[in-house]
N, C-alpha and C. Protein backbone atom coordinates (compact mmCIF):
# COMPACT_ATOMS: atom_id res chain seq x y z
N MET A 1 36.07 222.00 196.71
CA MET A 1 37.38 221.91 196.11
C MET A 1 37.57 220.67 195.24
N LYS A 2 37.03 219.55 195.74
CA LYS A 2 37.15 218.33 194.98
C LYS A 2 36.41 218.38 193.68
N ARG A 3 35.29 219.11 193.60
CA ARG A 3 34.55 219.29 192.34
C ARG A 3 35.38 220.05 191.34
N LEU A 4 36.08 221.09 191.78
CA LEU A 4 36.91 221.86 190.89
C LEU A 4 38.03 221.03 190.32
N VAL A 5 38.67 220.22 191.17
CA VAL A 5 39.73 219.31 190.69
C VAL A 5 39.22 218.32 189.69
N ALA A 6 38.02 217.79 189.95
CA ALA A 6 37.42 216.84 189.05
C ALA A 6 37.15 217.45 187.70
N PHE A 7 36.75 218.71 187.63
CA PHE A 7 36.44 219.40 186.38
C PHE A 7 37.64 220.06 185.72
N LEU A 8 38.75 220.14 186.36
CA LEU A 8 39.95 220.83 185.83
C LEU A 8 40.37 220.28 184.47
N PRO A 9 40.48 218.97 184.28
CA PRO A 9 40.89 218.47 182.96
C PRO A 9 39.92 218.89 181.86
N LEU A 10 38.66 218.91 182.18
CA LEU A 10 37.64 219.30 181.22
C LEU A 10 37.75 220.81 180.88
N ILE A 11 37.99 221.56 181.89
CA ILE A 11 38.21 223.07 181.66
C ILE A 11 39.42 223.26 180.80
N VAL A 12 40.54 222.58 181.04
CA VAL A 12 41.78 222.72 180.23
C VAL A 12 41.49 222.35 178.83
N ILE A 13 40.83 221.21 178.63
CA ILE A 13 40.51 220.72 177.27
C ILE A 13 39.62 221.75 176.49
N ALA A 14 38.65 222.25 177.16
CA ALA A 14 37.74 223.28 176.55
C ALA A 14 38.52 224.52 176.21
N ALA A 15 39.40 224.94 177.06
CA ALA A 15 40.22 226.16 176.77
C ALA A 15 41.14 225.89 175.55
N LEU A 16 41.76 224.74 175.53
CA LEU A 16 42.68 224.43 174.39
C LEU A 16 41.85 224.32 173.09
N ALA A 17 40.69 223.72 173.15
CA ALA A 17 39.86 223.62 171.96
C ALA A 17 39.41 225.01 171.49
N GLY A 18 39.15 225.91 172.39
CA GLY A 18 38.81 227.28 172.02
C GLY A 18 39.95 228.02 171.35
N VAL A 19 41.17 227.80 171.88
CA VAL A 19 42.35 228.45 171.28
C VAL A 19 42.60 227.91 169.87
N PHE A 20 42.50 226.54 169.70
CA PHE A 20 42.67 225.92 168.39
C PHE A 20 41.62 226.40 167.41
N LEU A 21 40.41 226.47 167.80
CA LEU A 21 39.33 226.93 166.92
C LEU A 21 39.60 228.41 166.50
N LEU A 22 39.95 229.24 167.43
CA LEU A 22 40.19 230.60 167.06
C LEU A 22 41.38 230.69 166.11
N ARG A 23 42.42 229.93 166.33
CA ARG A 23 43.59 229.93 165.48
C ARG A 23 43.25 229.43 164.03
N LEU A 24 42.36 228.45 163.92
CA LEU A 24 41.95 227.97 162.64
C LEU A 24 41.16 229.04 161.85
N GLU A 25 40.33 229.78 162.54
CA GLU A 25 39.59 230.80 161.93
C GLU A 25 40.41 231.98 161.49
N GLN A 26 41.49 232.29 162.17
CA GLN A 26 42.32 233.44 161.89
C GLN A 26 43.61 233.09 161.22
N GLY A 27 43.85 231.80 161.01
CA GLY A 27 45.13 231.35 160.58
C GLY A 27 45.41 231.49 159.10
N GLY A 28 44.44 231.79 158.25
CA GLY A 28 44.66 231.93 156.82
C GLY A 28 44.84 230.60 156.14
N ASP A 29 45.56 230.64 155.07
CA ASP A 29 45.77 229.47 154.25
C ASP A 29 46.80 228.54 154.88
N PRO A 30 46.38 227.30 155.24
CA PRO A 30 47.33 226.39 155.85
C PRO A 30 48.45 225.89 154.89
N ALA A 31 48.23 226.12 153.59
CA ALA A 31 49.29 225.71 152.62
C ALA A 31 50.42 226.67 152.60
N ARG A 32 50.25 227.87 153.15
CA ARG A 32 51.32 228.85 153.16
C ARG A 32 52.19 228.59 154.38
N ILE A 33 53.32 227.98 154.10
CA ILE A 33 54.26 227.69 155.19
C ILE A 33 55.32 228.79 155.15
N PRO A 34 55.50 229.51 156.24
CA PRO A 34 56.43 230.65 156.18
C PRO A 34 57.87 230.11 156.02
N SER A 35 58.67 230.92 155.46
CA SER A 35 60.07 230.58 155.30
C SER A 35 60.97 231.63 156.03
N ALA A 36 61.89 231.19 156.82
CA ALA A 36 62.80 232.09 157.46
C ALA A 36 63.78 232.68 156.45
N LEU A 37 63.84 232.15 155.25
CA LEU A 37 64.79 232.61 154.30
C LEU A 37 64.28 233.78 153.42
N ILE A 38 63.01 234.12 153.49
CA ILE A 38 62.50 235.19 152.69
C ILE A 38 63.22 236.46 153.11
N GLY A 39 63.75 237.17 152.10
CA GLY A 39 64.50 238.41 152.37
C GLY A 39 65.95 238.19 152.71
N LYS A 40 66.40 236.96 152.63
CA LYS A 40 67.83 236.59 152.93
C LYS A 40 68.46 236.00 151.67
N ALA A 41 69.77 236.07 151.69
CA ALA A 41 70.53 235.46 150.59
C ALA A 41 70.25 233.93 150.56
N ALA A 42 70.06 233.46 149.31
CA ALA A 42 69.86 232.00 149.15
C ALA A 42 71.06 231.29 149.71
N PRO A 43 70.77 230.14 150.39
CA PRO A 43 71.94 229.37 150.93
C PRO A 43 72.85 228.99 149.77
N ALA A 44 74.14 229.02 150.09
CA ALA A 44 75.18 228.69 149.10
C ALA A 44 74.99 227.22 148.69
N LEU A 45 75.14 227.05 147.39
CA LEU A 45 75.10 225.68 146.88
C LEU A 45 76.06 225.57 145.71
N SER A 46 76.68 224.42 145.63
CA SER A 46 77.54 224.13 144.51
C SER A 46 77.20 222.67 144.17
N LEU A 47 76.30 222.55 143.20
CA LEU A 47 75.84 221.22 142.83
C LEU A 47 76.22 220.92 141.42
N PRO A 48 76.59 219.62 141.19
CA PRO A 48 76.90 219.20 139.79
C PRO A 48 75.67 219.22 138.94
N GLY A 49 75.91 219.45 137.62
CA GLY A 49 74.83 219.45 136.69
C GLY A 49 74.42 218.08 136.31
N LEU A 50 73.21 217.98 135.69
CA LEU A 50 72.72 216.75 135.14
C LEU A 50 73.39 216.44 133.87
N ALA A 51 73.85 215.23 133.76
CA ALA A 51 74.45 214.68 132.45
C ALA A 51 75.60 215.53 131.97
N GLY A 52 76.39 216.02 132.88
CA GLY A 52 77.55 216.82 132.48
C GLY A 52 77.26 218.25 132.13
N GLY A 53 76.00 218.65 132.27
CA GLY A 53 75.63 220.02 132.01
C GLY A 53 76.09 220.93 133.12
N PRO A 54 75.84 222.23 132.98
CA PRO A 54 76.26 223.18 134.02
C PRO A 54 75.45 222.94 135.30
N GLY A 55 76.13 223.01 136.40
CA GLY A 55 75.44 222.88 137.67
C GLY A 55 74.94 224.25 138.12
N ILE A 56 74.78 224.46 139.44
CA ILE A 56 74.37 225.72 140.01
C ILE A 56 75.29 226.10 141.11
N SER A 57 75.77 227.33 141.07
CA SER A 57 76.70 227.81 142.03
C SER A 57 76.10 229.12 142.66
N PRO A 58 76.66 229.56 143.76
CA PRO A 58 76.18 230.86 144.36
C PRO A 58 76.27 232.03 143.31
N ALA A 59 77.32 232.05 142.54
CA ALA A 59 77.48 233.14 141.54
C ALA A 59 76.32 233.09 140.52
N ASP A 60 75.82 231.93 140.21
CA ASP A 60 74.72 231.80 139.25
C ASP A 60 73.45 232.38 139.79
N LEU A 61 73.24 232.29 141.09
CA LEU A 61 72.03 232.84 141.71
C LEU A 61 72.10 234.36 141.87
N ALA A 62 73.25 234.96 141.81
CA ALA A 62 73.41 236.37 142.01
C ALA A 62 73.97 237.07 140.72
N ASP A 63 73.51 236.58 139.58
CA ASP A 63 74.06 237.15 138.30
C ASP A 63 73.25 238.33 137.73
N GLY A 64 72.31 238.87 138.51
CA GLY A 64 71.52 239.98 138.08
C GLY A 64 70.16 239.62 137.51
N ARG A 65 69.94 238.36 137.23
CA ARG A 65 68.64 237.93 136.63
C ARG A 65 67.72 237.27 137.72
N VAL A 66 66.46 237.48 137.58
CA VAL A 66 65.48 236.80 138.47
C VAL A 66 65.41 235.34 138.10
N LYS A 67 65.28 234.49 139.09
CA LYS A 67 65.25 233.02 138.87
C LYS A 67 64.13 232.39 139.61
N LEU A 68 63.59 231.34 139.03
CA LEU A 68 62.72 230.40 139.73
C LEU A 68 63.57 229.16 139.98
N VAL A 69 63.75 228.81 141.23
CA VAL A 69 64.49 227.62 141.61
C VAL A 69 63.44 226.57 142.04
N ASN A 70 63.35 225.50 141.30
CA ASN A 70 62.36 224.49 141.54
C ASN A 70 63.00 223.18 141.99
N PHE A 71 62.69 222.71 143.19
CA PHE A 71 63.04 221.40 143.63
C PHE A 71 62.05 220.41 143.16
N TRP A 72 62.49 219.37 142.46
CA TRP A 72 61.58 218.38 141.92
C TRP A 72 62.24 216.96 141.92
N ALA A 73 61.49 215.97 141.53
CA ALA A 73 62.04 214.63 141.45
C ALA A 73 61.26 213.83 140.44
N SER A 74 61.87 212.88 139.80
CA SER A 74 61.21 212.04 138.80
C SER A 74 60.14 211.15 139.44
N TRP A 75 60.35 210.81 140.73
CA TRP A 75 59.40 209.94 141.44
C TRP A 75 58.16 210.71 142.04
N CYS A 76 58.19 211.99 141.86
CA CYS A 76 57.16 212.88 142.47
C CYS A 76 56.00 213.10 141.54
N ALA A 77 54.82 212.56 141.92
CA ALA A 77 53.62 212.72 141.06
C ALA A 77 53.15 214.20 140.92
N PRO A 78 53.15 214.99 142.01
CA PRO A 78 52.78 216.38 141.84
C PRO A 78 53.77 217.21 140.91
N CYS A 79 55.00 216.72 140.83
CA CYS A 79 56.00 217.36 139.95
C CYS A 79 55.57 217.18 138.49
N ARG A 80 55.02 216.05 138.17
CA ARG A 80 54.47 215.84 136.81
C ARG A 80 53.32 216.74 136.50
N ILE A 81 52.47 217.00 137.55
CA ILE A 81 51.31 217.86 137.31
C ILE A 81 51.75 219.32 137.06
N GLU A 82 52.73 219.82 137.82
CA GLU A 82 53.11 221.19 137.70
C GLU A 82 54.08 221.43 136.50
N HIS A 83 54.63 220.40 135.95
CA HIS A 83 55.64 220.53 134.87
C HIS A 83 55.21 221.37 133.71
N PRO A 84 53.99 221.18 133.14
CA PRO A 84 53.59 222.02 132.02
C PRO A 84 53.51 223.49 132.43
N LEU A 85 53.18 223.79 133.66
CA LEU A 85 53.12 225.17 134.09
C LEU A 85 54.50 225.79 134.19
N LEU A 86 55.46 224.97 134.62
CA LEU A 86 56.88 225.46 134.65
C LEU A 86 57.30 225.79 133.23
N THR A 87 56.96 224.87 132.29
CA THR A 87 57.28 225.08 130.92
C THR A 87 56.65 226.34 130.38
N ALA A 88 55.45 226.68 130.76
CA ALA A 88 54.81 227.89 130.30
C ALA A 88 55.49 229.12 130.94
N LEU A 89 56.15 229.00 132.06
CA LEU A 89 56.89 230.11 132.67
C LEU A 89 58.23 230.38 132.03
N LYS A 90 58.67 229.45 131.16
CA LYS A 90 59.98 229.61 130.50
C LYS A 90 60.01 230.97 129.81
N GLY A 91 61.04 231.69 130.04
CA GLY A 91 61.19 233.02 129.42
C GLY A 91 60.74 234.14 130.34
N ARG A 92 59.92 233.84 131.32
CA ARG A 92 59.45 234.89 132.26
C ARG A 92 60.52 235.15 133.32
N ALA A 93 61.28 234.12 133.65
CA ALA A 93 62.41 234.16 134.55
C ALA A 93 63.28 232.99 134.26
N ALA A 94 64.55 233.07 134.62
CA ALA A 94 65.44 231.93 134.43
C ALA A 94 64.97 230.82 135.28
N LEU A 95 64.78 229.59 134.73
CA LEU A 95 64.31 228.41 135.49
C LEU A 95 65.50 227.52 135.82
N TYR A 96 65.72 227.33 137.13
CA TYR A 96 66.77 226.41 137.58
C TYR A 96 66.06 225.25 138.29
N GLY A 97 66.35 224.08 137.85
CA GLY A 97 65.79 222.90 138.49
C GLY A 97 66.82 222.19 139.35
N ILE A 98 66.39 221.67 140.51
CA ILE A 98 67.24 220.91 141.37
C ILE A 98 66.53 219.53 141.61
N ALA A 99 67.10 218.52 141.05
CA ALA A 99 66.60 217.17 141.14
C ALA A 99 66.93 216.63 142.57
N TYR A 100 65.88 216.41 143.34
CA TYR A 100 65.99 216.09 144.75
C TYR A 100 65.96 214.60 144.99
N LYS A 101 67.00 214.08 145.64
CA LYS A 101 67.09 212.63 145.98
C LYS A 101 66.68 211.75 144.78
N ASP A 102 67.33 212.00 143.68
CA ASP A 102 66.99 211.27 142.46
C ASP A 102 68.34 210.84 141.80
N THR A 103 68.16 209.92 140.83
CA THR A 103 69.35 209.52 140.05
C THR A 103 69.38 210.36 138.74
N ALA A 104 70.53 210.43 138.18
CA ALA A 104 70.69 211.19 136.94
C ALA A 104 69.88 210.51 135.81
N GLU A 105 69.85 209.19 135.79
CA GLU A 105 69.17 208.43 134.77
C GLU A 105 67.64 208.72 134.81
N LYS A 106 67.11 208.62 136.01
CA LYS A 106 65.64 208.84 136.19
C LYS A 106 65.28 210.30 135.97
N ALA A 107 66.07 211.23 136.44
CA ALA A 107 65.80 212.62 136.22
C ALA A 107 65.84 212.98 134.71
N GLN A 108 66.82 212.42 133.99
CA GLN A 108 66.90 212.65 132.57
C GLN A 108 65.71 212.03 131.87
N GLY A 109 65.33 210.86 132.26
CA GLY A 109 64.13 210.21 131.68
C GLY A 109 62.88 211.02 131.87
N PHE A 110 62.70 211.59 133.02
CA PHE A 110 61.57 212.50 133.33
C PHE A 110 61.56 213.67 132.33
N LEU A 111 62.73 214.30 132.19
CA LEU A 111 62.81 215.44 131.26
C LEU A 111 62.67 215.05 129.81
N ASP A 112 63.22 213.87 129.43
CA ASP A 112 63.04 213.38 128.05
C ASP A 112 61.56 213.16 127.73
N GLU A 113 60.84 212.66 128.72
CA GLU A 113 59.40 212.39 128.54
C GLU A 113 58.52 213.64 128.46
N LEU A 114 58.78 214.58 129.44
CA LEU A 114 57.94 215.77 129.60
C LEU A 114 58.48 217.06 129.02
N GLY A 115 59.75 217.09 128.60
CA GLY A 115 60.37 218.27 128.10
C GLY A 115 61.17 218.95 129.21
N ASN A 116 62.13 219.75 128.82
CA ASN A 116 63.03 220.36 129.75
C ASN A 116 62.84 221.83 129.75
N PRO A 117 62.18 222.45 130.77
CA PRO A 117 61.98 223.93 130.79
C PRO A 117 63.23 224.60 131.46
N PHE A 118 64.16 223.85 132.03
CA PHE A 118 65.19 224.41 132.88
C PHE A 118 66.41 224.89 132.06
N GLU A 119 66.92 226.05 132.48
CA GLU A 119 68.10 226.60 131.94
C GLU A 119 69.30 225.82 132.51
N ARG A 120 69.22 225.46 133.81
CA ARG A 120 70.20 224.72 134.51
C ARG A 120 69.52 223.70 135.34
N ILE A 121 70.17 222.53 135.43
CA ILE A 121 69.62 221.45 136.29
C ILE A 121 70.81 220.90 137.14
N ALA A 122 70.52 220.89 138.42
CA ALA A 122 71.56 220.40 139.34
C ALA A 122 71.01 219.16 140.03
N MET A 123 71.92 218.32 140.51
CA MET A 123 71.56 217.07 141.26
C MET A 123 71.83 217.26 142.73
N ASP A 124 70.78 217.09 143.57
CA ASP A 124 70.94 217.13 144.99
C ASP A 124 70.64 215.70 145.48
N ALA A 125 71.54 214.76 145.15
CA ALA A 125 71.32 213.35 145.36
C ALA A 125 71.04 213.01 146.83
N ASP A 126 71.73 213.64 147.72
CA ASP A 126 71.56 213.27 149.13
C ASP A 126 70.59 214.18 149.92
N GLY A 127 70.11 215.24 149.23
CA GLY A 127 69.10 216.11 149.86
C GLY A 127 69.63 217.16 150.80
N ARG A 128 70.94 217.30 150.92
CA ARG A 128 71.52 218.20 151.86
C ARG A 128 71.24 219.66 151.50
N VAL A 129 71.30 219.98 150.20
CA VAL A 129 71.02 221.36 149.82
C VAL A 129 69.55 221.69 150.09
N ALA A 130 68.68 220.76 149.83
CA ALA A 130 67.22 221.00 150.11
C ALA A 130 67.02 221.35 151.57
N ILE A 131 67.72 220.65 152.44
CA ILE A 131 67.60 220.92 153.90
C ILE A 131 68.05 222.34 154.16
N GLU A 132 69.15 222.78 153.61
CA GLU A 132 69.65 224.12 153.81
C GLU A 132 68.62 225.20 153.31
N TRP A 133 67.88 224.84 152.22
CA TRP A 133 66.93 225.76 151.70
C TRP A 133 65.58 225.67 152.42
N GLY A 134 65.46 224.76 153.33
CA GLY A 134 64.22 224.62 154.07
C GLY A 134 63.08 223.92 153.30
N VAL A 135 63.45 223.02 152.40
CA VAL A 135 62.46 222.26 151.63
C VAL A 135 61.78 221.27 152.51
N TYR A 136 60.41 221.32 152.45
CA TYR A 136 59.60 220.35 153.27
C TYR A 136 59.36 219.09 152.45
N GLY A 137 59.30 219.21 151.13
CA GLY A 137 59.04 218.13 150.27
C GLY A 137 58.92 218.65 148.82
N VAL A 138 59.03 217.82 147.86
CA VAL A 138 58.91 218.27 146.49
C VAL A 138 57.52 218.19 146.00
N PRO A 139 57.11 219.07 145.10
CA PRO A 139 57.87 220.17 144.56
C PRO A 139 57.77 221.41 145.44
N GLU A 140 58.81 222.23 145.40
CA GLU A 140 58.83 223.50 146.01
C GLU A 140 59.52 224.50 145.06
N THR A 141 59.05 225.71 145.01
CA THR A 141 59.59 226.70 144.09
C THR A 141 59.93 227.97 144.83
N TYR A 142 61.06 228.52 144.56
CA TYR A 142 61.57 229.77 145.17
C TYR A 142 61.73 230.79 144.04
N VAL A 143 61.38 232.06 144.38
CA VAL A 143 61.73 233.16 143.45
C VAL A 143 62.95 233.84 144.10
N VAL A 144 63.99 233.94 143.31
CA VAL A 144 65.27 234.53 143.74
C VAL A 144 65.55 235.77 142.89
N ASP A 145 65.77 236.88 143.56
CA ASP A 145 66.05 238.12 142.75
C ASP A 145 67.50 238.08 142.24
N GLY A 146 67.84 239.05 141.42
CA GLY A 146 69.14 239.10 140.79
C GLY A 146 70.32 239.22 141.72
N ARG A 147 70.08 239.58 142.98
CA ARG A 147 71.14 239.61 143.97
C ARG A 147 71.33 238.30 144.67
N GLY A 148 70.52 237.34 144.37
CA GLY A 148 70.61 236.05 145.05
C GLY A 148 69.78 235.94 146.29
N VAL A 149 68.81 236.84 146.46
CA VAL A 149 68.00 236.93 147.66
C VAL A 149 66.62 236.26 147.39
N ILE A 150 66.22 235.38 148.28
CA ILE A 150 64.91 234.69 148.15
C ILE A 150 63.84 235.70 148.46
N VAL A 151 62.90 235.88 147.50
CA VAL A 151 61.79 236.82 147.73
C VAL A 151 60.46 236.07 147.87
N TRP A 152 60.37 234.81 147.52
CA TRP A 152 59.11 234.11 147.68
C TRP A 152 59.40 232.60 147.66
N LYS A 153 58.50 231.90 148.38
CA LYS A 153 58.57 230.44 148.45
C LYS A 153 57.21 229.89 148.29
N HIS A 154 57.07 228.92 147.37
CA HIS A 154 55.76 228.21 147.20
C HIS A 154 55.98 226.73 147.51
N VAL A 155 55.20 226.23 148.42
CA VAL A 155 55.30 224.80 148.83
C VAL A 155 54.22 224.03 148.08
N GLY A 156 54.59 222.95 147.49
CA GLY A 156 53.63 222.13 146.72
C GLY A 156 53.67 222.47 145.26
N PRO A 157 52.82 221.74 144.53
CA PRO A 157 52.78 221.97 143.07
C PRO A 157 52.18 223.34 142.72
N LEU A 158 52.82 223.94 141.76
CA LEU A 158 52.25 225.19 141.20
C LEU A 158 50.94 224.90 140.50
N ASP A 159 50.03 225.87 140.54
CA ASP A 159 48.83 225.78 139.73
C ASP A 159 48.59 227.18 139.15
N GLU A 160 47.65 227.30 138.28
CA GLU A 160 47.45 228.59 137.59
C GLU A 160 47.14 229.67 138.59
N ALA A 161 46.37 229.35 139.65
CA ALA A 161 46.00 230.41 140.63
C ALA A 161 47.24 230.88 141.40
N SER A 162 48.10 229.93 141.83
CA SER A 162 49.29 230.33 142.59
C SER A 162 50.29 231.06 141.72
N ILE A 163 50.34 230.72 140.46
CA ILE A 163 51.21 231.47 139.52
C ILE A 163 50.73 232.92 139.41
N ARG A 164 49.47 233.05 139.18
CA ARG A 164 48.86 234.38 139.00
C ARG A 164 48.92 235.20 140.26
N ALA A 165 48.55 234.64 141.42
CA ALA A 165 48.50 235.36 142.67
C ALA A 165 49.80 235.55 143.38
N ASP A 166 50.73 234.63 143.20
CA ASP A 166 51.96 234.65 144.00
C ASP A 166 53.24 234.74 143.18
N ILE A 167 53.44 233.80 142.22
CA ILE A 167 54.67 233.72 141.52
C ILE A 167 54.94 234.91 140.66
N LEU A 168 53.99 235.25 139.76
CA LEU A 168 54.22 236.37 138.90
C LEU A 168 54.41 237.72 139.61
N PRO A 169 53.60 237.99 140.65
CA PRO A 169 53.84 239.24 141.41
C PRO A 169 55.21 239.21 142.09
N ALA A 170 55.66 238.06 142.57
CA ALA A 170 57.00 237.95 143.23
C ALA A 170 58.13 238.20 142.15
N ILE A 171 57.92 237.67 140.97
CA ILE A 171 58.91 237.91 139.94
C ILE A 171 58.94 239.40 139.59
N GLU A 172 57.81 240.07 139.51
CA GLU A 172 57.75 241.48 139.18
C GLU A 172 58.44 242.27 140.30
N ARG A 173 58.17 241.93 141.57
CA ARG A 173 58.86 242.63 142.70
C ARG A 173 60.34 242.43 142.60
N ALA A 174 60.77 241.23 142.32
CA ALA A 174 62.20 240.95 142.26
C ALA A 174 62.86 241.69 141.07
N GLU A 175 62.12 241.87 140.00
CA GLU A 175 62.70 242.64 138.86
C GLU A 175 62.88 244.14 139.22
N ARG A 176 62.13 244.61 140.17
CA ARG A 176 62.22 246.02 140.59
C ARG A 176 63.31 246.25 141.62
N GLN A 177 63.90 245.18 142.15
CA GLN A 177 64.88 245.31 143.24
C GLN A 177 66.09 246.09 142.67
N ALA A 178 66.81 246.77 143.57
CA ALA A 178 67.96 247.54 143.20
C ALA A 178 68.99 246.59 142.54
N PRO A 179 69.66 247.04 141.46
CA PRO A 179 70.68 246.22 140.83
C PRO A 179 71.86 246.05 141.77
N LEU A 180 72.64 245.07 141.43
CA LEU A 180 73.87 244.83 142.18
C LEU A 180 74.82 246.01 142.03
N THR A 181 75.47 246.40 143.15
CA THR A 181 76.52 247.40 143.09
C THR A 181 77.82 246.80 143.46
N THR A 182 78.85 247.33 142.90
CA THR A 182 80.19 246.84 143.21
C THR A 182 80.86 247.80 144.22
N PRO A 183 81.59 247.31 145.16
CA PRO A 183 82.24 248.18 146.16
C PRO A 183 83.34 249.01 145.50
């Protein structure tokens, strides 16, 4: 009995290692972080716009058009990397940018330097809206259908592969969603 007790910690560690190894092999892409919001209405937000421009409201997200909602910041290096790809997506869906924990001056400087692909830009200075949306860190991009329902979430900077494999198909699915009906 003493031998079994002596080896018990080793047996437990070996069992846990086996479970972790099995999970790693079957777990898929670790960059895909599931979102509880997929298939649900986007959290309500009423944010002021950048430099007196239009902000973003719940009605804007449910206006019948598909949107890409991108959380970004001027201090975010990966946001600079993905910016040209967002610019290339302009016209494929309405692009809404939410400047996360940033100042208006720095956000405007970022856009002055790199160009502005966004139809609307809102300021989430304290990060509260990002928390409601389940943002882990910037950049993060959401595909929102014309009813204001989140249909896809991409964590991290977009790249050509993620746009081709995930974002464009999500936009196409969102475009096929049933139109809004009035009661």
